[in-house]
Amino acid sequence: MTYKKYFKKAPIVSLKGQPVILFDGKHSSLLEALESKKVKVFSECRNGFCGACKTTVISGEVSYLTQPLAELKADECLPCCCVPETDLNLKLSCQGV
């Protein structure tokens, strides 16, 4: 008997290739997890409406808690209303982390 299908590996969030966060579900959004590590991300609404926190995704996938209304390119995400589905590499500075 295997339990592999019941357990999901916690995604690792990296900034420009440097691992910073193990997204283990303690934060409700990617933005909250980034802020907890003192990553500087400008944000306004936290609901996917304004697009102020738009971030470039180098690799990985996210899923949205609420569908964003801001227009996004294929390689962008809104950390305010998403969570990582896979290991994620973002084009954000890790300076000060």
N, C-alpha and C. Protein backbone atom coordinates (compact mmCIF):
# COMPACT_ATOMS: atom_id res chain seq x y z
N MET A 1 0.84 -1.18 0.00
CA MET A 1 0.00 0.00 0.00
C MET A 1 0.89 1.25 0.00
N THR A 2 0.53 2.20 -0.81
CA THR A 2 1.32 3.43 -0.88
C THR A 2 0.45 4.63 -0.49
N TYR A 3 1.07 5.57 0.20
CA TYR A 3 0.35 6.76 0.64
C TYR A 3 0.80 7.99 -0.15
N LYS A 4 1.63 7.79 -1.15
CA LYS A 4 2.20 8.90 -1.91
C LYS A 4 1.13 9.83 -2.46
N LYS A 5 0.02 9.30 -2.94
CA LYS A 5 -1.01 10.14 -3.53
C LYS A 5 -1.74 10.99 -2.48
N TYR A 6 -1.59 10.67 -1.20
CA TYR A 6 -2.27 11.41 -0.15
C TYR A 6 -1.43 12.56 0.40
N PHE A 7 -0.14 12.52 0.15
CA PHE A 7 0.76 13.53 0.70
C PHE A 7 1.34 14.37 -0.42
N LYS A 8 1.28 15.67 -0.21
CA LYS A 8 1.82 16.60 -1.20
C LYS A 8 3.07 17.23 -0.62
N LYS A 9 4.14 17.25 -1.40
CA LYS A 9 5.40 17.86 -0.97
C LYS A 9 5.19 19.37 -0.86
N ALA A 10 5.65 19.95 0.23
CA ALA A 10 5.55 21.40 0.41
C ALA A 10 6.47 22.08 -0.60
N PRO A 11 5.93 22.99 -1.41
CA PRO A 11 6.75 23.67 -2.42
C PRO A 11 7.81 24.57 -1.78
N ILE A 12 8.95 24.64 -2.44
CA ILE A 12 10.02 25.55 -2.04
C ILE A 12 9.92 26.79 -2.92
N VAL A 13 9.90 27.95 -2.29
CA VAL A 13 9.86 29.21 -3.03
C VAL A 13 11.28 29.80 -3.01
N SER A 14 11.80 30.05 -4.21
CA SER A 14 13.13 30.62 -4.36
C SER A 14 13.03 32.00 -4.98
N LEU A 15 14.01 32.83 -4.67
CA LEU A 15 14.11 34.17 -5.26
C LEU A 15 15.38 34.21 -6.09
N LYS A 16 15.21 34.32 -7.39
CA LYS A 16 16.33 34.30 -8.33
C LYS A 16 17.25 33.10 -8.07
N GLY A 17 16.63 31.95 -7.83
CA GLY A 17 17.38 30.71 -7.66
C GLY A 17 17.80 30.38 -6.24
N GLN A 18 17.64 31.30 -5.32
CA GLN A 18 18.04 31.04 -3.93
C GLN A 18 16.82 30.63 -3.10
N PRO A 19 16.79 29.41 -2.56
CA PRO A 19 15.65 28.97 -1.74
C PRO A 19 15.46 29.86 -0.51
N VAL A 20 14.21 30.27 -0.29
CA VAL A 20 13.91 31.19 0.82
C VAL A 20 12.80 30.66 1.72
N ILE A 21 11.80 30.01 1.14
CA ILE A 21 10.60 29.63 1.90
C ILE A 21 10.21 28.19 1.59
N LEU A 22 9.88 27.44 2.62
CA LEU A 22 9.20 26.16 2.46
C LEU A 22 7.73 26.47 2.69
N PHE A 23 6.93 26.47 1.62
CA PHE A 23 5.52 26.85 1.73
C PHE A 23 4.74 25.66 2.29
N ASP A 24 4.60 25.64 3.61
CA ASP A 24 4.00 24.49 4.30
C ASP A 24 2.57 24.73 4.76
N GLY A 25 1.93 25.76 4.25
CA GLY A 25 0.53 26.00 4.57
C GLY A 25 0.30 26.86 5.80
N LYS A 26 1.35 27.38 6.41
CA LYS A 26 1.19 28.24 7.58
C LYS A 26 0.74 29.65 7.21
N HIS A 27 0.84 29.99 5.94
CA HIS A 27 0.42 31.30 5.46
C HIS A 27 -0.71 31.13 4.46
N SER A 28 -1.64 32.07 4.45
CA SER A 28 -2.80 31.92 3.59
C SER A 28 -2.52 32.28 2.14
N SER A 29 -1.44 33.03 1.87
CA SER A 29 -1.10 33.39 0.49
C SER A 29 0.41 33.46 0.33
N LEU A 30 0.83 33.48 -0.91
CA LEU A 30 2.25 33.62 -1.20
C LEU A 30 2.77 34.96 -0.69
N LEU A 31 1.97 36.00 -0.79
CA LEU A 31 2.38 37.32 -0.31
C LEU A 31 2.66 37.29 1.20
N GLU A 32 1.79 36.67 1.97
CA GLU A 32 2.01 36.59 3.42
C GLU A 32 3.30 35.82 3.74
N ALA A 33 3.57 34.76 2.99
CA ALA A 33 4.79 33.98 3.22
C ALA A 33 6.02 34.82 2.88
N LEU A 34 5.97 35.56 1.79
CA LEU A 34 7.09 36.42 1.40
C LEU A 34 7.32 37.51 2.44
N GLU A 35 6.24 38.12 2.90
CA GLU A 35 6.36 39.18 3.91
C GLU A 35 6.92 38.65 5.22
N SER A 36 6.59 37.42 5.57
CA SER A 36 7.10 36.84 6.82
C SER A 36 8.62 36.67 6.78
N LYS A 37 9.17 36.57 5.57
CA LYS A 37 10.62 36.45 5.39
C LYS A 37 11.25 37.81 5.05
N LYS A 38 10.47 38.89 5.19
CA LYS A 38 10.95 40.25 4.96
C LYS A 38 11.32 40.52 3.51
N VAL A 39 10.69 39.80 2.57
CA VAL A 39 10.89 40.06 1.15
C VAL A 39 10.07 41.29 0.79
N LYS A 40 10.69 42.23 0.10
CA LYS A 40 10.00 43.46 -0.26
C LYS A 40 9.14 43.25 -1.50
N VAL A 41 7.83 43.28 -1.29
CA VAL A 41 6.86 43.16 -2.38
C VAL A 41 5.83 44.27 -2.17
N PHE A 42 5.72 45.17 -3.13
CA PHE A 42 4.73 46.24 -3.02
C PHE A 42 3.35 45.63 -3.25
N SER A 43 2.41 45.95 -2.37
CA SER A 43 1.05 45.43 -2.53
C SER A 43 0.05 46.47 -2.07
N GLU A 44 -1.16 46.35 -2.57
CA GLU A 44 -2.23 47.29 -2.22
C GLU A 44 -3.46 46.56 -1.67
N CYS A 45 -4.06 45.69 -2.47
CA CYS A 45 -5.41 45.21 -2.11
C CYS A 45 -5.48 43.84 -1.46
N ARG A 46 -4.59 42.93 -1.78
CA ARG A 46 -4.60 41.55 -1.29
C ARG A 46 -5.77 40.71 -1.80
N ASN A 47 -6.40 41.16 -2.87
CA ASN A 47 -7.53 40.42 -3.42
C ASN A 47 -7.44 40.17 -4.92
N GLY A 48 -6.32 40.55 -5.55
CA GLY A 48 -6.17 40.30 -6.98
C GLY A 48 -6.81 41.33 -7.87
N PHE A 49 -7.20 42.48 -7.33
CA PHE A 49 -7.88 43.50 -8.14
C PHE A 49 -6.92 44.51 -8.76
N CYS A 50 -5.90 44.94 -8.02
CA CYS A 50 -5.10 46.08 -8.48
C CYS A 50 -3.88 45.70 -9.30
N GLY A 51 -3.27 44.57 -9.04
CA GLY A 51 -2.09 44.15 -9.78
C GLY A 51 -0.79 44.75 -9.28
N ALA A 52 -0.81 45.46 -8.17
CA ALA A 52 0.39 46.13 -7.67
C ALA A 52 1.50 45.13 -7.30
N CYS A 53 1.16 43.94 -6.88
CA CYS A 53 2.17 42.96 -6.46
C CYS A 53 2.60 42.02 -7.59
N LYS A 54 2.23 42.36 -8.81
CA LYS A 54 2.56 41.52 -9.98
C LYS A 54 4.04 41.14 -9.95
N THR A 55 4.32 39.85 -10.05
CA THR A 55 5.68 39.33 -9.91
C THR A 55 5.96 38.36 -11.05
N THR A 56 7.18 38.41 -11.57
CA THR A 56 7.58 37.51 -12.65
C THR A 56 7.94 36.14 -12.08
N VAL A 57 7.38 35.10 -12.69
CA VAL A 57 7.67 33.72 -12.32
C VAL A 57 8.72 33.18 -13.28
N ILE A 58 9.88 32.81 -12.76
CA ILE A 58 10.94 32.24 -13.58
C ILE A 58 10.60 30.79 -13.90
N SER A 59 10.15 30.06 -12.88
CA SER A 59 9.72 28.68 -13.09
C SER A 59 8.76 28.28 -11.97
N GLY A 60 7.91 27.30 -12.27
CA GLY A 60 6.95 26.81 -11.29
C GLY A 60 5.53 27.22 -11.63
N GLU A 61 4.60 26.76 -10.79
CA GLU A 61 3.18 27.02 -11.01
C GLU A 61 2.51 27.46 -9.72
N VAL A 62 1.50 28.30 -9.87
CA VAL A 62 0.70 28.75 -8.73
C VAL A 62 -0.77 28.43 -9.01
N SER A 63 -1.56 28.41 -7.95
CA SER A 63 -3.01 28.34 -8.11
C SER A 63 -3.59 29.52 -7.35
N TYR A 64 -4.71 30.00 -7.82
CA TYR A 64 -5.31 31.20 -7.25
C TYR A 64 -6.43 30.88 -6.28
N LEU A 65 -6.41 31.58 -5.15
CA LEU A 65 -7.45 31.45 -4.13
C LEU A 65 -8.71 32.16 -4.61
N THR A 66 -8.52 33.31 -5.23
CA THR A 66 -9.58 34.05 -5.92
C THR A 66 -9.03 34.41 -7.28
N GLN A 67 -9.84 34.33 -8.30
CA GLN A 67 -9.37 34.62 -9.65
C GLN A 67 -9.01 36.10 -9.76
N PRO A 68 -7.78 36.40 -10.16
CA PRO A 68 -7.36 37.80 -10.25
C PRO A 68 -8.07 38.54 -11.37
N LEU A 69 -8.38 39.80 -11.13
CA LEU A 69 -8.99 40.64 -12.15
C LEU A 69 -7.93 41.44 -12.89
N ALA A 70 -6.75 41.58 -12.31
CA ALA A 70 -5.65 42.27 -12.96
C ALA A 70 -5.17 41.43 -14.14
N GLU A 71 -4.76 42.09 -15.21
CA GLU A 71 -4.26 41.39 -16.38
C GLU A 71 -2.85 40.90 -16.13
N LEU A 72 -2.61 39.63 -16.43
CA LEU A 72 -1.31 39.00 -16.19
C LEU A 72 -0.77 38.39 -17.48
N LYS A 73 0.55 38.44 -17.63
CA LYS A 73 1.21 37.71 -18.71
C LYS A 73 1.38 36.27 -18.25
N ALA A 74 1.76 35.40 -19.17
CA ALA A 74 1.90 33.98 -18.86
C ALA A 74 2.95 33.72 -17.79
N ASP A 75 3.96 34.60 -17.68
CA ASP A 75 5.03 34.38 -16.71
C ASP A 75 4.90 35.28 -15.48
N GLU A 76 3.68 35.69 -15.14
CA GLU A 76 3.45 36.56 -13.98
C GLU A 76 2.44 35.94 -13.03
N CYS A 77 2.52 36.34 -11.76
CA CYS A 77 1.53 35.93 -10.78
C CYS A 77 1.25 37.10 -9.85
N LEU A 78 0.16 36.99 -9.12
CA LEU A 78 -0.19 37.96 -8.08
C LEU A 78 -0.07 37.24 -6.74
N PRO A 79 1.03 37.46 -6.02
CA PRO A 79 1.24 36.78 -4.74
C PRO A 79 0.13 37.02 -3.72
N CYS A 80 -0.61 38.12 -3.85
CA CYS A 80 -1.66 38.45 -2.88
C CYS A 80 -2.78 37.43 -2.85
N CYS A 81 -2.98 36.72 -3.95
CA CYS A 81 -4.14 35.82 -4.01
C CYS A 81 -3.79 34.45 -4.59
N CYS A 82 -2.52 34.03 -4.45
CA CYS A 82 -2.16 32.71 -4.96
C CYS A 82 -1.29 31.96 -3.96
N VAL A 83 -1.15 30.68 -4.21
CA VAL A 83 -0.25 29.81 -3.45
C VAL A 83 0.53 28.97 -4.45
N PRO A 84 1.76 28.59 -4.10
CA PRO A 84 2.54 27.75 -5.03
C PRO A 84 1.98 26.33 -5.09
N GLU A 85 1.92 25.80 -6.30
CA GLU A 85 1.51 24.40 -6.50
C GLU A 85 2.74 23.50 -6.64
N THR A 86 3.81 24.07 -7.16
CA THR A 86 5.06 23.35 -7.35
C THR A 86 6.17 24.23 -6.77
N ASP A 87 7.40 23.72 -6.76
CA ASP A 87 8.51 24.58 -6.41
C ASP A 87 8.45 25.80 -7.32
N LEU A 88 8.76 26.95 -6.76
CA LEU A 88 8.54 28.22 -7.46
C LEU A 88 9.80 29.07 -7.37
N ASN A 89 10.20 29.63 -8.51
CA ASN A 89 11.34 30.53 -8.55
C ASN A 89 10.84 31.87 -9.07
N LEU A 90 10.95 32.91 -8.24
CA LEU A 90 10.42 34.23 -8.56
C LEU A 90 11.55 35.21 -8.85
N LYS A 91 11.26 36.17 -9.70
CA LYS A 91 12.24 37.20 -10.03
C LYS A 91 12.10 38.36 -9.04
N LEU A 92 12.44 38.08 -7.78
CA LEU A 92 12.43 39.05 -6.71
C LEU A 92 13.80 39.05 -6.05
N SER A 93 14.17 40.17 -5.47
CA SER A 93 15.45 40.26 -4.78
C SER A 93 15.36 39.59 -3.42
N CYS A 94 16.41 38.87 -3.06
CA CYS A 94 16.47 38.26 -1.73
C CYS A 94 17.33 39.10 -0.79
N GLN A 95 17.65 40.32 -1.19
CA GLN A 95 18.43 41.22 -0.37
C GLN A 95 17.64 41.55 0.89
N GLY A 96 18.27 41.41 2.04
CA GLY A 96 17.63 41.70 3.31
C GLY A 96 16.87 40.53 3.92
N VAL A 97 16.79 39.42 3.19
CA VAL A 97 16.06 38.25 3.68
C VAL A 97 16.89 37.51 4.70
